Amino acid sequence: MIGRWLPLAIFASLGLILFAGVELNRGRERGTVPSPLLGRPAPSFVLPALRETEPMVDSETLRGRPWILNVWASWCVSCRAEHPVLSALARRAGVPVIGLNWKDRREDALAWLDRFGDPYHAIAFDPDNRVGIDWGVYGTPETFLIDAAGIVRYKRVGPLSPEIVEREILPLLAGSSP
């Protein structure tokens, strides 16, 4: 008798778990992921620049002003879709946009920038995910906003859109100026 109802009980249990997960995430916009970094000091890093002729990229040199960290890779399809939006943001925002080239090959990343343009103030090269781990990166693209005090104020997983820039990033930048 129990064997007869066991598949139904398992199916019902899985349905309840799925329903609970959907309810817990109701109202949460796609791309907004809770991050333990929000409201905390940004992890510092010193990495080689993507272009070997440029100086090391040191996050401490950005202290005292807000800045944006954008995690990207040449193999990332969503990064390609995001690129025009990021380029417009870099021109408009008035703050440095630092690229973190993540789990990529240097020559592929450089070719990608030659093809699509370089919106970055500087690009740190992180092929082994040393810095990505500290920042909690698990995919590309990801975008962080760091205020003038060095506190992470925003994290976005997934590509930026013009609407996200207008509604989420620019208001935060306006409130984080030194």
Protein backbone atom coordinates (compact mmCIF):
# COMPACT_ATOMS: atom_id res chain seq x y z
CA MET A 1 0.00 0.00 0.00
CA ILE A 2 2.80 2.45 0.89
CA GLY A 3 4.60 1.69 -2.36
CA ARG A 4 1.52 2.74 -4.27
CA TRP A 5 1.42 6.25 -2.75
CA LEU A 6 5.19 6.83 -2.56
CA PRO A 7 5.54 8.33 -6.09
CA LEU A 8 2.62 10.68 -5.42
CA ALA A 9 4.12 11.76 -2.08
CA ILE A 10 7.50 12.44 -3.69
CA PHE A 11 5.89 14.41 -6.52
CA ALA A 12 3.81 16.47 -4.04
CA SER A 13 6.91 17.19 -1.92
CA LEU A 14 8.88 18.40 -4.92
CA GLY A 15 5.94 20.58 -5.94
CA LEU A 16 5.86 22.19 -2.49
CA ILE A 17 9.60 22.87 -2.59
CA LEU A 18 9.30 24.47 -6.04
CA PHE A 19 6.34 26.58 -4.93
CA ALA A 20 8.20 27.75 -1.82
CA GLY A 21 11.20 28.78 -3.94
CA VAL A 22 9.03 30.75 -6.33
CA GLU A 23 7.24 32.50 -3.46
CA LEU A 24 10.52 33.41 -1.74
CA ASN A 25 11.75 35.04 -4.94
CA ARG A 26 8.49 36.80 -5.83
CA GLY A 27 9.13 40.47 -6.38
CA ARG A 28 12.89 39.99 -6.76
CA GLU A 29 13.98 41.33 -10.12
CA ARG A 30 16.07 39.12 -12.36
CA GLY A 31 19.71 40.02 -11.94
CA THR A 32 19.45 41.19 -8.37
CA VAL A 33 21.38 38.73 -6.28
CA PRO A 34 21.98 39.19 -2.58
CA SER A 35 25.68 39.75 -2.02
CA PRO A 36 27.58 39.66 1.27
CA LEU A 37 29.66 42.54 -0.12
CA LEU A 38 26.80 45.06 -0.16
CA GLY A 39 27.41 47.70 2.47
CA ARG A 40 30.92 46.42 3.13
CA PRO A 41 34.37 47.55 2.02
CA ALA A 42 35.22 46.44 -1.49
CA PRO A 43 37.92 43.77 -1.61
CA SER A 44 41.17 45.37 -2.67
CA PHE A 45 43.22 43.95 -5.50
CA VAL A 46 46.36 44.47 -7.49
CA LEU A 47 46.37 42.67 -10.83
CA PRO A 48 48.32 42.95 -14.05
CA ALA A 49 46.71 45.10 -16.69
CA LEU A 50 45.20 43.32 -19.67
CA ARG A 51 47.57 45.28 -21.90
CA GLU A 52 51.01 44.24 -20.70
CA THR A 53 52.46 47.68 -21.47
CA GLU A 54 50.14 49.35 -18.93
CA PRO A 55 50.75 49.55 -15.18
CA MET A 56 49.26 47.12 -12.67
CA VAL A 57 45.63 47.82 -11.77
CA ASP A 58 45.45 48.69 -8.07
CA SER A 59 42.00 49.26 -6.60
CA GLU A 60 43.45 51.42 -3.81
CA THR A 61 44.23 54.16 -6.34
CA LEU A 62 40.46 54.59 -6.78
CA ARG A 63 39.78 55.47 -3.14
CA GLY A 64 38.15 58.82 -2.59
CA ARG A 65 35.85 58.66 -5.60
CA PRO A 66 33.07 56.37 -6.76
CA TRP A 67 33.88 53.81 -9.44
CA ILE A 68 32.33 50.90 -11.30
CA LEU A 69 33.78 47.41 -11.66
CA ASN A 70 32.53 45.46 -14.67
CA VAL A 71 33.41 41.76 -14.94
CA TRP A 72 33.56 40.57 -18.54
CA ALA A 73 35.16 38.06 -20.90
CA SER A 74 35.57 37.71 -24.65
CA TRP A 75 33.67 34.39 -24.64
CA CYS A 76 30.65 35.95 -22.88
CA VAL A 77 27.69 36.41 -25.23
CA SER A 78 25.83 38.64 -22.74
CA CYS A 79 28.91 40.87 -22.46
CA ARG A 80 28.63 41.58 -26.17
CA ALA A 81 24.99 42.58 -25.75
CA GLU A 82 25.88 44.77 -22.75
CA HIS A 83 28.86 46.46 -24.37
CA PRO A 84 27.07 49.43 -26.04
CA VAL A 85 25.24 50.19 -22.78
CA LEU A 86 28.47 49.99 -20.79
CA SER A 87 30.22 52.24 -23.33
CA ALA A 88 27.46 54.84 -22.98
CA LEU A 89 27.60 54.58 -19.18
CA ALA A 90 31.37 55.09 -19.19
CA ARG A 91 30.98 58.28 -21.27
CA ARG A 92 28.07 59.59 -19.21
CA ALA A 93 28.76 58.59 -15.62
CA GLY A 94 31.84 60.69 -14.99
CA VAL A 95 33.38 57.93 -12.87
CA PRO A 96 36.05 55.38 -13.77
CA VAL A 97 34.74 52.12 -15.16
CA ILE A 98 37.27 49.41 -14.38
CA GLY A 99 37.12 46.18 -16.33
CA LEU A 100 37.90 42.86 -14.72
CA ASN A 101 38.70 40.48 -17.56
CA TRP A 102 37.74 37.15 -16.01
CA LYS A 103 38.82 33.61 -16.90
CA ASP A 104 39.86 34.70 -20.36
CA ARG A 105 42.84 34.50 -22.67
CA ARG A 106 44.71 37.77 -23.02
CA GLU A 107 44.88 37.63 -26.82
CA ASP A 108 41.15 36.88 -27.12
CA ALA A 109 40.24 39.77 -24.82
CA LEU A 110 42.47 42.21 -26.70
CA ALA A 111 40.99 41.15 -30.04
CA TRP A 112 37.49 41.59 -28.60
CA LEU A 113 38.30 45.15 -27.47
CA ASP A 114 39.84 45.97 -30.85
CA ARG A 115 36.64 44.81 -32.52
CA PHE A 116 34.02 46.38 -30.20
CA GLY A 117 35.85 49.28 -28.51
CA ASP A 118 37.30 49.88 -25.07
CA PRO A 119 35.08 51.77 -22.61
CA TYR A 120 37.31 51.05 -19.61
CA HIS A 121 39.48 53.43 -17.62
CA ALA A 122 41.69 50.40 -16.85
CA ILE A 123 41.35 46.64 -17.29
CA ALA A 124 42.60 44.15 -14.71
CA PHE A 125 43.48 40.69 -16.03
CA ASP A 126 42.21 37.83 -13.83
CA PRO A 127 42.59 34.60 -15.85
CA ASP A 128 42.80 32.38 -12.76
CA ASN A 129 39.85 33.94 -10.85
CA ARG A 130 42.05 35.09 -7.95
CA VAL A 131 40.17 38.37 -7.56
CA GLY A 132 36.87 37.05 -8.86
CA ILE A 133 36.64 34.76 -5.84
CA ASP A 134 37.12 37.67 -3.42
CA TRP A 135 34.34 39.59 -5.16
CA GLY A 136 31.96 36.62 -5.26
CA VAL A 137 31.90 36.51 -9.05
CA TYR A 138 30.30 33.43 -10.51
CA GLY A 139 29.49 34.56 -14.03
CA THR A 140 29.75 37.30 -16.58
CA PRO A 141 28.78 40.01 -16.87
CA GLU A 142 28.60 41.31 -13.34
CA THR A 143 28.71 44.97 -12.38
CA PHE A 144 29.52 46.54 -9.01
CA LEU A 145 29.27 50.15 -7.86
CA ILE A 146 31.75 51.24 -5.21
CA ASP A 147 31.27 54.58 -3.45
CA ALA A 148 33.94 57.15 -2.59
CA ALA A 149 34.49 55.54 0.83
CA GLY A 150 35.27 52.20 -0.85
CA ILE A 151 31.95 50.56 0.11
CA VAL A 152 30.15 48.25 -2.34
CA ARG A 153 26.73 49.84 -2.92
CA TYR A 154 25.41 47.78 -5.83
CA LYS A 155 25.82 44.45 -7.58
CA ARG A 156 24.17 43.42 -10.83
CA VAL A 157 24.40 39.93 -12.29
CA GLY A 158 23.68 39.88 -15.99
CA PRO A 159 23.89 42.50 -18.70
CA LEU A 160 23.12 46.13 -18.05
CA SER A 161 20.31 47.75 -20.01
CA PRO A 162 19.62 51.45 -20.54
CA GLU A 163 16.67 51.12 -18.12
CA ILE A 164 18.84 49.58 -15.40
CA VAL A 165 21.43 52.32 -15.82
CA GLU A 166 18.76 55.04 -15.53
CA ARG A 167 16.75 53.47 -12.72
CA GLU A 168 19.47 51.88 -10.57
CA ILE A 169 23.03 52.98 -11.33
CA LEU A 170 22.81 56.72 -12.06
CA PRO A 171 20.73 57.50 -8.94
CA LEU A 172 23.27 55.64 -6.80
CA LEU A 173 26.12 57.50 -8.46
CA ALA A 174 24.41 60.81 -7.82
CA GLY A 175 24.22 59.93 -4.13
CA SER A 176 27.79 58.66 -3.84
CA SER A 177 29.80 61.61 -5.10
CA PRO A 178 32.52 62.84 -2.74
